[in-house]
Amino acid sequence: MPFREFAVRPIGLFVFTVGGHVSISFMRNPPTFDDPSVSDSGPAACNPGWDCAYFGTYSYEQSASAWTTKVMGGNIPSYIGRDQLRSFALDGDTMTISSSYEVDGVKFSGKRILKRAPR
């Protein structure tokens, strides 16, 4: 599985409900289409090479400044049915998420910086 590049300023939406549900979606900005022959008129047009999305329930671990998502579905098959732990730090309306993972024996680590959407 190739490493997915999301460019310098990916866009997306992370939604956490009071009831413990989460939906996460982010993509390359601007998006680029790998196959121009695919019509964008239906579900077959989804392009997981530049769009990641998953949803489930979450629990918050205050002592570790982290949350765990129990993934119920999404377009990342290896996440479905598994827990995803994310460490974070808050500074006003900014959340910095730190994560690391391994793909085919290669370790990756990174940070995502999120800004609270205007109300």
Protein backbone atom coordinates (compact mmCIF):
# COMPACT_ATOMS: atom_id res chain seq x y z
CA MET A 1 0.00 0.00 0.00
CA PRO A 2 1.61 3.31 -1.02
CA PHE A 3 1.96 6.19 1.39
CA ARG A 4 -0.81 8.71 0.75
CA GLU A 5 0.27 12.29 0.27
CA PHE A 6 -2.23 14.93 1.34
CA ALA A 7 -0.21 17.99 0.26
CA VAL A 8 0.68 20.93 2.43
CA ARG A 9 -2.79 22.06 3.55
CA PRO A 10 -5.28 19.19 3.48
CA ILE A 11 -8.92 19.98 4.21
CA GLY A 12 -11.46 18.04 6.20
CA LEU A 13 -13.87 17.81 9.05
CA PHE A 14 -13.62 16.03 12.40
CA VAL A 15 -16.98 15.83 14.20
CA PHE A 16 -17.27 14.66 17.83
CA THR A 17 -20.76 14.41 19.34
CA VAL A 18 -21.62 14.72 23.01
CA GLY A 19 -23.12 11.21 22.73
CA GLY A 20 -19.71 9.68 21.91
CA HIS A 21 -19.81 9.38 18.11
CA VAL A 22 -17.09 10.62 15.77
CA SER A 23 -16.82 11.12 12.03
CA ILE A 24 -13.48 12.00 10.44
CA SER A 25 -12.92 12.96 6.82
CA PHE A 26 -9.95 14.67 5.20
CA MET A 27 -8.53 15.00 1.72
CA ARG A 28 -5.83 16.53 -0.43
CA ASN A 29 -6.27 20.23 -1.12
CA PRO A 30 -6.79 20.80 -3.94
CA PRO A 31 -7.93 17.31 -4.82
CA THR A 32 -6.40 15.64 -7.86
CA PHE A 33 -8.02 12.83 -9.76
CA ASP A 34 -5.86 9.80 -10.50
CA ASP A 35 -8.13 8.50 -13.26
CA PRO A 36 -9.75 11.16 -15.47
CA SER A 37 -11.91 8.49 -17.14
CA VAL A 38 -13.97 8.01 -13.96
CA SER A 39 -17.20 10.00 -13.93
CA ASP A 40 -17.84 12.04 -10.79
CA SER A 41 -21.60 11.38 -10.88
CA GLY A 42 -21.89 8.49 -8.41
CA PRO A 43 -20.37 6.43 -5.63
CA ALA A 44 -17.92 4.76 -8.02
CA ALA A 45 -16.21 8.14 -8.29
CA CYS A 46 -14.81 7.90 -4.74
CA ASN A 47 -11.05 8.04 -4.86
CA PRO A 48 -9.48 6.66 -1.67
CA GLY A 49 -6.00 7.64 -2.84
CA TRP A 50 -6.58 11.23 -1.74
CA ASP A 51 -9.59 10.99 0.55
CA CYS A 52 -9.68 9.29 3.96
CA ALA A 53 -12.86 8.93 5.98
CA TYR A 54 -13.99 6.81 8.90
CA PHE A 55 -16.54 6.88 11.69
CA GLY A 56 -17.38 5.15 14.94
CA THR A 57 -17.53 5.84 18.64
CA TYR A 58 -14.86 7.48 20.74
CA SER A 59 -13.67 7.61 24.32
CA TYR A 60 -11.60 10.42 25.79
CA GLU A 61 -8.59 9.74 28.00
CA GLN A 62 -7.97 13.00 29.86
CA SER A 63 -4.84 11.81 31.68
CA ALA A 64 -3.17 10.95 28.36
CA SER A 65 -4.60 13.86 26.32
CA ALA A 66 -5.83 11.29 23.82
CA TRP A 67 -8.95 9.78 22.35
CA THR A 68 -9.61 6.31 21.00
CA THR A 69 -11.95 5.76 18.07
CA LYS A 70 -13.62 2.35 17.79
CA VAL A 71 -13.93 2.35 14.00
CA MET A 72 -17.24 1.03 12.66
CA GLY A 73 -16.77 1.88 8.98
CA GLY A 74 -14.86 3.91 6.43
CA ASN A 75 -12.65 3.69 3.38
CA ILE A 76 -9.55 2.50 5.26
CA PRO A 77 -10.16 -1.26 5.45
CA SER A 78 -7.43 -1.91 8.04
CA TYR A 79 -9.14 0.49 10.50
CA ILE A 80 -12.59 -1.16 10.45
CA GLY A 81 -13.32 -3.01 13.68
CA ARG A 82 -10.14 -1.75 15.32
CA ASP A 83 -9.25 0.97 17.81
CA GLN A 84 -7.37 4.06 16.65
CA LEU A 85 -5.57 6.01 19.39
CA ARG A 86 -4.75 9.68 18.74
CA SER A 87 -2.76 11.92 21.08
CA PHE A 88 -3.54 15.61 20.94
CA ALA A 89 -2.88 19.02 22.47
CA LEU A 90 -5.33 21.92 22.64
CA ASP A 91 -4.41 25.59 22.43
CA GLY A 92 -7.49 27.80 22.20
CA ASP A 93 -9.30 26.90 18.96
CA THR A 94 -6.38 24.80 17.66
CA MET A 95 -5.95 21.04 18.11
CA THR A 96 -2.64 19.40 17.22
CA ILE A 97 -2.93 15.64 16.68
CA SER A 98 0.18 13.46 16.79
CA SER A 99 0.16 10.00 15.27
CA SER A 100 2.49 7.33 14.01
CA TYR A 101 1.89 4.15 12.06
CA GLU A 102 3.66 1.52 10.01
CA VAL A 103 3.00 0.48 6.41
CA ASP A 104 4.87 -2.48 4.94
CA GLY A 105 7.60 -2.17 7.56
CA VAL A 106 8.10 1.57 7.05
CA LYS A 107 7.31 3.82 10.04
CA PHE A 108 5.60 7.16 9.53
CA SER A 109 4.82 9.87 12.04
CA GLY A 110 3.14 13.19 11.65
CA LYS A 111 1.02 15.95 13.06
CA ARG A 112 -2.29 17.35 11.95
CA ILE A 113 -3.21 20.85 13.01
CA LEU A 114 -6.95 21.49 13.16
CA LYS A 115 -8.77 24.79 13.60
CA ARG A 116 -12.25 24.95 15.17
CA ALA A 117 -14.89 25.78 12.58
CA PRO A 118 -16.60 29.16 13.01
CA ARG A 119 -19.96 28.96 14.74
